[in-house]
Every structure is written in structure tokens, then in C-alpha cells.
Amino acid sequence: MYDSLFSDSLAVLPVWVLGLTALALVLIDAFRPNAANATDAGPLVPWLTVAALAVGLGIEALRMSGDAVGVFADHLRVGGYAAFANAVVLLGALASTVLSIPYLRRTGHSLAEVYVLILIASIGMMTLAGSGSLVPEFVRLETMKLCIYVQT
């Protein structure tokens, strides 16, 4: 039953990159000095977010030329049109992250949570774009929507 788990996990490498980066950003924010009173995420957090989004975008750009294949028992599609949709999502997240850095610093609300929510919402959008079945789609939709609701 789990013969292809490792290869399927490698197929969703951009999702892993974004998810692990989001977890790392939460830990960085939790263990930095004066984390309880700080309103500035520091220079490391936003640029780690940009780096993770750029790595994910690069991986998806390499996959665009191939055909879409189903992974995790055809519940998720990778490559082809799914890679193009993921690249559009990652490009939008990358642009919003880069544009938000000076704005959040200027307003004094440069919190690490903003960047974590951008990453998690991007994961939800990427998995939603490559959805291969209806049942897990609701989980993906809620993952995306919750992060967007918190940001507004």
C-alpha cells in the first residue's frame, strides 16, 4: 500500500519546501530574543520566505514541460497544467511577499506570522490547483481559506 510513498513525496517537493520553511519560520520567531514584544520579524524571516518561494517556483518551472501524473492514488496531479498553475500561485506569492516587506516595516507590523500565512495559503492553493479528486479538495480549500481569513 505504501510502496510509492517516498516517490510520491518527492513529487510534491515544492509543497515540502514551503511547509518546512513555514515550520522553520515559526520556530525562528518563537525563539528569537524579545519575541513577545517584537513587532519586527527581522531581515531573516521575509527573505527566507522569498527563498522558499523562489525554490518552489524553480522546481515547478522545470516540471511544466512534462505530462501531468497522479500521485497519492491520483488524489493530486503534478506536472503539466498543475505545474503551470502552481507556478502562477508561487509567482503571486513571491510578488506579494516582496512588495509587502517595505510596507509592513513602514507600518510597524512586520510580523513573522504574515509570512508563515503566505506560505501556508500557497500550499493550500498549490494542492488545490493539482487536485485529482473531490474529497481531499475540501481540506485544501479550507487550508487556503483559513490563512486568507486570518490575514484580512
N, C-alpha and C. Protein backbone atom coordinates (compact mmCIF):
# COMPACT_ATOMS: atom_id res chain seq x y z
N MET A 1 0.81 -1.20 0.00
CA MET A 1 0.00 0.00 0.00
C MET A 1 0.85 1.27 0.00
N TYR A 2 1.97 1.22 0.69
CA TYR A 2 2.82 2.41 0.79
C TYR A 2 4.10 2.26 -0.02
N ASP A 3 4.05 1.50 -1.10
CA ASP A 3 5.24 1.27 -1.90
C ASP A 3 5.73 2.55 -2.56
N SER A 4 4.82 3.39 -2.99
CA SER A 4 5.21 4.60 -3.72
C SER A 4 5.20 5.85 -2.85
N LEU A 5 5.18 5.70 -1.54
CA LEU A 5 5.08 6.87 -0.65
C LEU A 5 6.29 7.79 -0.80
N PHE A 6 7.48 7.22 -0.87
CA PHE A 6 8.68 8.05 -0.98
C PHE A 6 8.72 8.79 -2.32
N SER A 7 8.44 8.09 -3.40
CA SER A 7 8.48 8.75 -4.71
C SER A 7 7.35 9.77 -4.84
N ASP A 8 6.19 9.48 -4.26
CA ASP A 8 5.10 10.46 -4.28
C ASP A 8 5.45 11.68 -3.44
N SER A 9 6.14 11.47 -2.35
CA SER A 9 6.55 12.60 -1.51
C SER A 9 7.57 13.48 -2.23
N LEU A 10 8.45 12.87 -3.01
CA LEU A 10 9.40 13.66 -3.79
C LEU A 10 8.70 14.42 -4.91
N ALA A 11 7.60 13.87 -5.40
CA ALA A 11 6.86 14.54 -6.47
C ALA A 11 6.24 15.85 -6.01
N VAL A 12 5.97 15.96 -4.73
CA VAL A 12 5.39 17.19 -4.20
C VAL A 12 6.46 18.00 -3.43
N LEU A 13 7.67 17.97 -3.93
CA LEU A 13 8.80 18.65 -3.28
C LEU A 13 8.55 20.15 -3.03
N PRO A 14 7.96 20.91 -3.95
CA PRO A 14 7.71 22.32 -3.63
C PRO A 14 6.79 22.51 -2.42
N VAL A 15 5.84 21.63 -2.24
CA VAL A 15 4.96 21.72 -1.07
C VAL A 15 5.76 21.43 0.20
N TRP A 16 6.64 20.45 0.12
CA TRP A 16 7.50 20.16 1.27
C TRP A 16 8.40 21.35 1.60
N VAL A 17 8.97 21.98 0.57
CA VAL A 17 9.86 23.13 0.80
C VAL A 17 9.09 24.25 1.50
N LEU A 18 7.89 24.56 1.02
CA LEU A 18 7.11 25.64 1.63
C LEU A 18 6.67 25.27 3.05
N GLY A 19 6.25 24.04 3.24
CA GLY A 19 5.79 23.61 4.56
C GLY A 19 6.90 23.61 5.60
N LEU A 20 8.05 23.07 5.23
CA LEU A 20 9.18 23.04 6.17
C LEU A 20 9.71 24.45 6.44
N THR A 21 9.68 25.30 5.45
CA THR A 21 10.08 26.70 5.67
C THR A 21 9.11 27.39 6.61
N ALA A 22 7.81 27.14 6.45
CA ALA A 22 6.83 27.74 7.35
C ALA A 22 7.07 27.28 8.79
N LEU A 23 7.35 25.99 8.98
CA LEU A 23 7.65 25.49 10.32
C LEU A 23 8.93 26.12 10.88
N ALA A 24 9.94 26.25 10.03
CA ALA A 24 11.19 26.87 10.47
C ALA A 24 10.97 28.34 10.86
N LEU A 25 10.14 29.04 10.11
CA LEU A 25 9.87 30.45 10.44
C LEU A 25 9.13 30.58 11.76
N VAL A 26 8.23 29.66 12.04
CA VAL A 26 7.54 29.68 13.33
C VAL A 26 8.54 29.48 14.45
N LEU A 27 9.46 28.53 14.27
CA LEU A 27 10.47 28.28 15.31
C LEU A 27 11.44 29.45 15.45
N ILE A 28 11.84 30.04 14.34
CA ILE A 28 12.73 31.21 14.40
C ILE A 28 12.04 32.34 15.14
N ASP A 29 10.78 32.56 14.86
CA ASP A 29 10.05 33.63 15.52
C ASP A 29 9.84 33.34 17.01
N ALA A 30 9.64 32.09 17.35
CA ALA A 30 9.38 31.74 18.75
C ALA A 30 10.62 31.85 19.62
N PHE A 31 11.78 31.55 19.06
CA PHE A 31 12.99 31.50 19.87
C PHE A 31 13.94 32.68 19.67
N ARG A 32 13.48 33.74 19.05
CA ARG A 32 14.35 34.90 18.93
C ARG A 32 14.23 35.76 20.18
N PRO A 33 15.24 36.54 20.50
CA PRO A 33 15.19 37.38 21.70
C PRO A 33 14.07 38.41 21.61
N ASN A 34 13.42 38.67 22.72
CA ASN A 34 12.33 39.64 22.83
C ASN A 34 11.20 39.33 21.86
N ALA A 35 10.89 38.06 21.67
CA ALA A 35 9.86 37.67 20.71
C ALA A 35 8.47 38.11 21.16
N ALA A 36 8.26 38.22 22.46
CA ALA A 36 6.93 38.57 22.94
C ALA A 36 6.57 40.03 22.65
N ASN A 37 7.57 40.92 22.65
CA ASN A 37 7.30 42.35 22.46
C ASN A 37 7.64 42.84 21.06
N ALA A 38 8.23 42.02 20.24
CA ALA A 38 8.73 42.48 18.94
C ALA A 38 7.60 42.64 17.93
N THR A 39 7.68 43.72 17.17
CA THR A 39 6.75 43.92 16.06
C THR A 39 7.47 43.87 14.73
N ASP A 40 8.74 43.50 14.75
CA ASP A 40 9.51 43.41 13.52
C ASP A 40 10.04 41.98 13.39
N ALA A 41 9.78 41.36 12.26
CA ALA A 41 10.20 39.98 12.04
C ALA A 41 11.70 39.87 11.81
N GLY A 42 12.37 40.99 11.59
CA GLY A 42 13.79 40.96 11.31
C GLY A 42 14.04 40.70 9.83
N PRO A 43 15.28 40.80 9.41
CA PRO A 43 15.57 40.64 7.98
C PRO A 43 15.57 39.19 7.50
N LEU A 44 15.75 38.23 8.41
CA LEU A 44 15.87 36.83 8.02
C LEU A 44 14.55 36.22 7.57
N VAL A 45 13.49 36.51 8.29
CA VAL A 45 12.20 35.85 8.05
C VAL A 45 11.63 36.15 6.65
N PRO A 46 11.51 37.41 6.23
CA PRO A 46 10.94 37.63 4.89
C PRO A 46 11.80 37.08 3.77
N TRP A 47 13.11 37.13 3.92
CA TRP A 47 13.97 36.67 2.83
C TRP A 47 14.05 35.15 2.78
N LEU A 48 13.86 34.48 3.91
CA LEU A 48 13.71 33.01 3.86
C LEU A 48 12.43 32.62 3.14
N THR A 49 11.38 33.42 3.34
CA THR A 49 10.13 33.18 2.64
C THR A 49 10.33 33.36 1.13
N VAL A 50 11.01 34.42 0.76
CA VAL A 50 11.28 34.67 -0.67
C VAL A 50 12.12 33.54 -1.25
N ALA A 51 13.11 33.06 -0.50
CA ALA A 51 13.96 31.98 -0.99
C ALA A 51 13.16 30.70 -1.18
N ALA A 52 12.29 30.36 -0.23
CA ALA A 52 11.48 29.15 -0.36
C ALA A 52 10.53 29.24 -1.55
N LEU A 53 9.92 30.40 -1.73
CA LEU A 53 9.01 30.57 -2.87
C LEU A 53 9.78 30.51 -4.19
N ALA A 54 10.99 31.04 -4.23
CA ALA A 54 11.79 31.00 -5.45
C ALA A 54 12.23 29.57 -5.77
N VAL A 55 12.59 28.80 -4.75
CA VAL A 55 12.96 27.40 -4.97
C VAL A 55 11.77 26.61 -5.49
N GLY A 56 10.61 26.81 -4.88
CA GLY A 56 9.40 26.14 -5.34
C GLY A 56 9.05 26.52 -6.77
N LEU A 57 9.21 27.80 -7.10
CA LEU A 57 8.93 28.28 -8.46
C LEU A 57 9.89 27.65 -9.46
N GLY A 58 11.15 27.54 -9.08
CA GLY A 58 12.13 26.91 -9.96
C GLY A 58 11.81 25.45 -10.23
N ILE A 59 11.42 24.72 -9.20
CA ILE A 59 11.07 23.31 -9.38
C ILE A 59 9.84 23.18 -10.28
N GLU A 60 8.85 24.00 -10.05
CA GLU A 60 7.64 23.93 -10.88
C GLU A 60 7.91 24.36 -12.32
N ALA A 61 8.81 25.29 -12.52
CA ALA A 61 9.15 25.71 -13.89
C ALA A 61 9.80 24.56 -14.65
N LEU A 62 10.58 23.73 -13.98
CA LEU A 62 11.20 22.59 -14.63
C LEU A 62 10.18 21.51 -14.98
N ARG A 63 9.08 21.45 -14.26
CA ARG A 63 8.08 20.42 -14.47
C ARG A 63 7.02 20.78 -15.51
N MET A 64 7.00 22.00 -15.97
CA MET A 64 5.93 22.44 -16.87
C MET A 64 5.92 21.69 -18.20
N SER A 65 7.07 21.26 -18.66
CA SER A 65 7.12 20.63 -19.98
C SER A 65 6.62 19.19 -19.98
N GLY A 66 6.57 18.56 -18.82
CA GLY A 66 6.15 17.17 -18.75
C GLY A 66 4.63 17.02 -18.67
N ASP A 67 4.19 15.78 -18.79
CA ASP A 67 2.76 15.49 -18.66
C ASP A 67 2.37 15.43 -17.19
N ALA A 68 1.11 15.70 -16.92
CA ALA A 68 0.60 15.61 -15.55
C ALA A 68 0.48 14.15 -15.16
N VAL A 69 0.99 13.82 -13.98
CA VAL A 69 0.88 12.47 -13.44
C VAL A 69 0.19 12.53 -12.09
N GLY A 70 -0.51 11.47 -11.76
CA GLY A 70 -1.19 11.40 -10.48
C GLY A 70 -0.29 10.80 -9.41
N VAL A 71 -0.31 11.39 -8.25
CA VAL A 71 0.41 10.86 -7.09
C VAL A 71 -0.58 10.70 -5.94
N PHE A 72 -0.17 9.94 -4.94
CA PHE A 72 -1.02 9.65 -3.79
C PHE A 72 -2.38 9.11 -4.24
N ALA A 73 -2.33 8.02 -4.99
CA ALA A 73 -3.52 7.33 -5.50
C ALA A 73 -4.39 8.27 -6.34
N ASP A 74 -3.75 9.07 -7.16
CA ASP A 74 -4.42 10.02 -8.06
C ASP A 74 -5.24 11.10 -7.34
N HIS A 75 -4.94 11.36 -6.09
CA HIS A 75 -5.62 12.45 -5.39
C HIS A 75 -4.97 13.79 -5.69
N LEU A 76 -3.77 13.77 -6.24
CA LEU A 76 -3.05 15.01 -6.55
C LEU A 76 -2.33 14.82 -7.88
N ARG A 77 -2.33 15.84 -8.71
CA ARG A 77 -1.66 15.81 -10.00
C ARG A 77 -0.44 16.73 -9.94
N VAL A 78 0.67 16.28 -10.52
CA VAL A 78 1.88 17.10 -10.60
C VAL A 78 2.36 17.11 -12.05
N GLY A 79 2.99 18.21 -12.44
CA GLY A 79 3.47 18.36 -13.81
C GLY A 79 2.39 18.89 -14.72
N GLY A 80 2.78 19.30 -15.91
CA GLY A 80 1.84 19.78 -16.91
C GLY A 80 1.08 21.01 -16.46
N TYR A 81 -0.26 20.96 -16.60
CA TYR A 81 -1.09 22.11 -16.24
C TYR A 81 -1.03 22.41 -14.75
N ALA A 82 -0.86 21.38 -13.93
CA ALA A 82 -0.76 21.60 -12.48
C ALA A 82 0.52 22.38 -12.15
N ALA A 83 1.60 22.08 -12.84
CA ALA A 83 2.85 22.82 -12.62
C ALA A 83 2.70 24.27 -13.05
N PHE A 84 1.98 24.51 -14.15
CA PHE A 84 1.75 25.89 -14.59
C PHE A 84 0.91 26.65 -13.55
N ALA A 85 -0.15 26.02 -13.06
CA ALA A 85 -0.99 26.67 -12.04
C ALA A 85 -0.20 26.92 -10.77
N ASN A 86 0.64 25.96 -10.37
CA ASN A 86 1.47 26.15 -9.19
C ASN A 86 2.48 27.27 -9.39
N ALA A 87 3.02 27.38 -10.59
CA ALA A 87 3.96 28.46 -10.87
C ALA A 87 3.27 29.83 -10.78
N VAL A 88 2.04 29.91 -11.25
CA VAL A 88 1.28 31.16 -11.14
C VAL A 88 1.04 31.50 -9.67
N VAL A 89 0.67 30.50 -8.88
CA VAL A 89 0.44 30.72 -7.44
C VAL A 89 1.73 31.18 -6.77
N LEU A 90 2.82 30.50 -7.06
CA LEU A 90 4.10 30.85 -6.43
C LEU A 90 4.60 32.22 -6.87
N LEU A 91 4.37 32.55 -8.12
CA LEU A 91 4.76 33.88 -8.61
C LEU A 91 3.96 34.97 -7.91
N GLY A 92 2.67 34.75 -7.72
CA GLY A 92 1.85 35.71 -7.00
C GLY A 92 2.26 35.83 -5.54
N ALA A 93 2.56 34.71 -4.90
CA ALA A 93 3.01 34.74 -3.51
C ALA A 93 4.36 35.42 -3.39
N LEU A 94 5.23 35.16 -4.35
CA LEU A 94 6.55 35.80 -4.35
C LEU A 94 6.42 37.31 -4.51
N ALA A 95 5.57 37.74 -5.43
CA ALA A 95 5.38 39.18 -5.64
C ALA A 95 4.75 39.83 -4.41
N SER A 96 3.77 39.18 -3.82
CA SER A 96 3.13 39.78 -2.64
C SER A 96 4.09 39.82 -1.45
N THR A 97 4.96 38.85 -1.34
CA THR A 97 5.94 38.86 -0.25
C THR A 97 6.96 39.97 -0.44
N VAL A 98 7.49 40.09 -1.64
CA VAL A 98 8.49 41.13 -1.90
C VAL A 98 7.89 42.52 -1.74
N LEU A 99 6.67 42.70 -2.22
CA LEU A 99 6.02 44.01 -2.10
C LEU A 99 5.59 44.33 -0.67
N SER A 100 5.34 43.30 0.13
CA SER A 100 4.87 43.55 1.50
C SER A 100 6.00 43.87 2.47
N ILE A 101 7.23 43.52 2.14
CA ILE A 101 8.34 43.73 3.08
C ILE A 101 8.49 45.20 3.44
N PRO A 102 8.65 46.13 2.48
CA PRO A 102 8.79 47.54 2.88
C PRO A 102 7.52 48.11 3.50
N TYR A 103 6.36 47.66 3.00
CA TYR A 103 5.10 48.18 3.55
C TYR A 103 4.92 47.78 5.01
N LEU A 104 5.16 46.52 5.34
CA LEU A 104 4.98 46.07 6.72
C LEU A 104 6.01 46.70 7.66
N ARG A 105 7.22 46.91 7.17
CA ARG A 105 8.22 47.59 8.01
C ARG A 105 7.84 49.05 8.25
N ARG A 106 7.30 49.70 7.21
CA ARG A 106 6.92 51.10 7.32
C ARG A 106 5.75 51.27 8.30
N THR A 107 4.81 50.35 8.27
CA THR A 107 3.65 50.45 9.17
C THR A 107 3.93 49.89 10.56
N GLY A 108 5.07 49.23 10.74
CA GLY A 108 5.41 48.67 12.05
C GLY A 108 4.71 47.37 12.37
N HIS A 109 4.23 46.68 11.36
CA HIS A 109 3.53 45.41 11.57
C HIS A 109 4.22 44.26 10.85
N SER A 110 5.52 44.29 10.78
CA SER A 110 6.27 43.24 10.08
C SER A 110 6.39 42.02 10.99
N LEU A 111 5.34 41.25 11.06
CA LEU A 111 5.30 40.07 11.92
C LEU A 111 5.63 38.83 11.10
N ALA A 112 6.28 37.88 11.72
CA ALA A 112 6.63 36.64 11.03
C ALA A 112 5.39 35.85 10.66
N GLU A 113 4.31 36.05 11.39
CA GLU A 113 3.08 35.31 11.10
C GLU A 113 2.55 35.60 9.70
N VAL A 114 2.75 36.82 9.23
CA VAL A 114 2.29 37.19 7.90
C VAL A 114 2.96 36.31 6.85
N TYR A 115 4.25 36.13 6.97
CA TYR A 115 4.98 35.34 6.00
C TYR A 115 4.65 33.85 6.12
N VAL A 116 4.43 33.37 7.33
CA VAL A 116 4.02 31.98 7.54
C VAL A 116 2.66 31.75 6.90
N LEU A 117 1.74 32.69 7.08
CA LEU A 117 0.41 32.54 6.49
C LEU A 117 0.45 32.58 4.96
N ILE A 118 1.35 33.39 4.40
CA ILE A 118 1.50 33.41 2.95
C ILE A 118 1.97 32.04 2.45
N LEU A 119 2.92 31.44 3.17
CA LEU A 119 3.42 30.13 2.76
C LEU A 119 2.34 29.05 2.87
N ILE A 120 1.59 29.05 3.97
CA ILE A 120 0.58 28.02 4.16
C ILE A 120 -0.57 28.21 3.18
N ALA A 121 -0.96 29.45 2.92
CA ALA A 121 -2.00 29.69 1.91
C ALA A 121 -1.52 29.25 0.53
N SER A 122 -0.25 29.44 0.24
CA SER A 122 0.30 28.99 -1.04
C SER A 122 0.27 27.47 -1.14
N ILE A 123 0.54 26.77 -0.05
CA ILE A 123 0.44 25.31 -0.05
C ILE A 123 -0.99 24.89 -0.37
N GLY A 124 -1.96 25.54 0.27
CA GLY A 124 -3.36 25.22 0.00
C GLY A 124 -3.73 25.47 -1.44
N MET A 125 -3.27 26.59 -2.00
CA MET A 125 -3.59 26.91 -3.40
C MET A 125 -2.91 25.96 -4.37
N MET A 126 -1.65 25.58 -4.07
CA MET A 126 -0.94 24.67 -4.95
C MET A 126 -1.59 23.29 -4.97
N THR A 127 -1.96 22.79 -3.82
CA THR A 127 -2.59 21.47 -3.79
C THR A 127 -4.00 21.53 -4.36
N LEU A 128 -4.65 22.67 -4.24
CA LEU A 128 -5.98 22.83 -4.83
C LEU A 128 -5.88 22.85 -6.37
N ALA A 129 -4.84 23.47 -6.88
CA ALA A 129 -4.67 23.55 -8.34
C ALA A 129 -4.40 22.19 -8.96
N GLY A 130 -3.78 21.30 -8.21
CA GLY A 130 -3.47 19.99 -8.74
C GLY A 130 -4.39 18.91 -8.22
N SER A 131 -5.56 19.28 -7.77
CA SER A 131 -6.48 18.31 -7.18
C SER A 131 -6.93 17.27 -8.19
N GLY A 132 -6.89 16.02 -7.75
CA GLY A 132 -7.30 14.94 -8.62
C GLY A 132 -8.60 14.29 -8.19
N SER A 133 -9.10 14.64 -7.03
CA SER A 133 -10.37 14.08 -6.56
C SER A 133 -11.08 15.11 -5.68
N LEU A 134 -12.34 14.88 -5.46
CA LEU A 134 -13.16 15.88 -4.80
C LEU A 134 -13.04 15.88 -3.28
N VAL A 135 -12.89 14.73 -2.67
CA VAL A 135 -12.91 14.65 -1.21
C VAL A 135 -11.76 15.43 -0.57
N PRO A 136 -10.50 15.21 -0.96
CA PRO A 136 -9.43 16.00 -0.33
C PRO A 136 -9.46 17.48 -0.73
N GLU A 137 -10.23 17.81 -1.75
CA GLU A 137 -10.29 19.20 -2.19
C GLU A 137 -10.84 20.11 -1.11
N PHE A 138 -11.75 19.62 -0.30
CA PHE A 138 -12.31 20.43 0.78
C PHE A 138 -11.25 20.77 1.82
N VAL A 139 -10.37 19.83 2.11
CA VAL A 139 -9.27 20.10 3.05
C VAL A 139 -8.34 21.15 2.47
N ARG A 140 -8.04 21.04 1.20
CA ARG A 140 -7.15 22.01 0.55
C ARG A 140 -7.79 23.39 0.52
N LEU A 141 -9.07 23.43 0.24
CA LEU A 141 -9.79 24.70 0.19
C LEU A 141 -9.80 25.38 1.56
N GLU A 142 -10.03 24.61 2.60
CA GLU A 142 -10.03 25.18 3.95
C GLU A 142 -8.64 25.63 4.37
N THR A 143 -7.60 24.91 3.97
CA THR A 143 -6.23 25.32 4.27
C THR A 143 -5.95 26.69 3.68
N MET A 144 -6.39 26.90 2.46
CA MET A 144 -6.18 28.18 1.80
C MET A 144 -7.03 29.26 2.44
N LYS A 145 -8.32 28.97 2.65
CA LYS A 145 -9.25 29.99 3.13
C LYS A 145 -8.93 30.47 4.54
N LEU A 146 -8.56 29.57 5.43
CA LEU A 146 -8.27 29.98 6.80
C LEU A 146 -7.14 30.99 6.87
N CYS A 147 -6.09 30.74 6.10
CA CYS A 147 -4.95 31.67 6.10
C CYS A 147 -5.34 33.02 5.53
N ILE A 148 -6.16 33.02 4.51
CA ILE A 148 -6.58 34.28 3.92
C ILE A 148 -7.51 35.04 4.86
N TYR A 149 -8.38 34.31 5.58
CA TYR A 149 -9.26 34.96 6.56
C TYR A 149 -8.45 35.61 7.68
N VAL A 150 -7.42 34.93 8.14
CA VAL A 150 -6.60 35.47 9.23
C VAL A 150 -5.84 36.71 8.77
N GLN A 151 -5.41 36.74 7.52
CA GLN A 151 -4.65 37.88 7.03
C GLN A 151 -5.50 39.12 6.82
N THR A 152 -6.80 38.96 6.63
CA THR A 152 -7.63 40.14 6.37
C THR A 152 -8.19 40.75 7.61
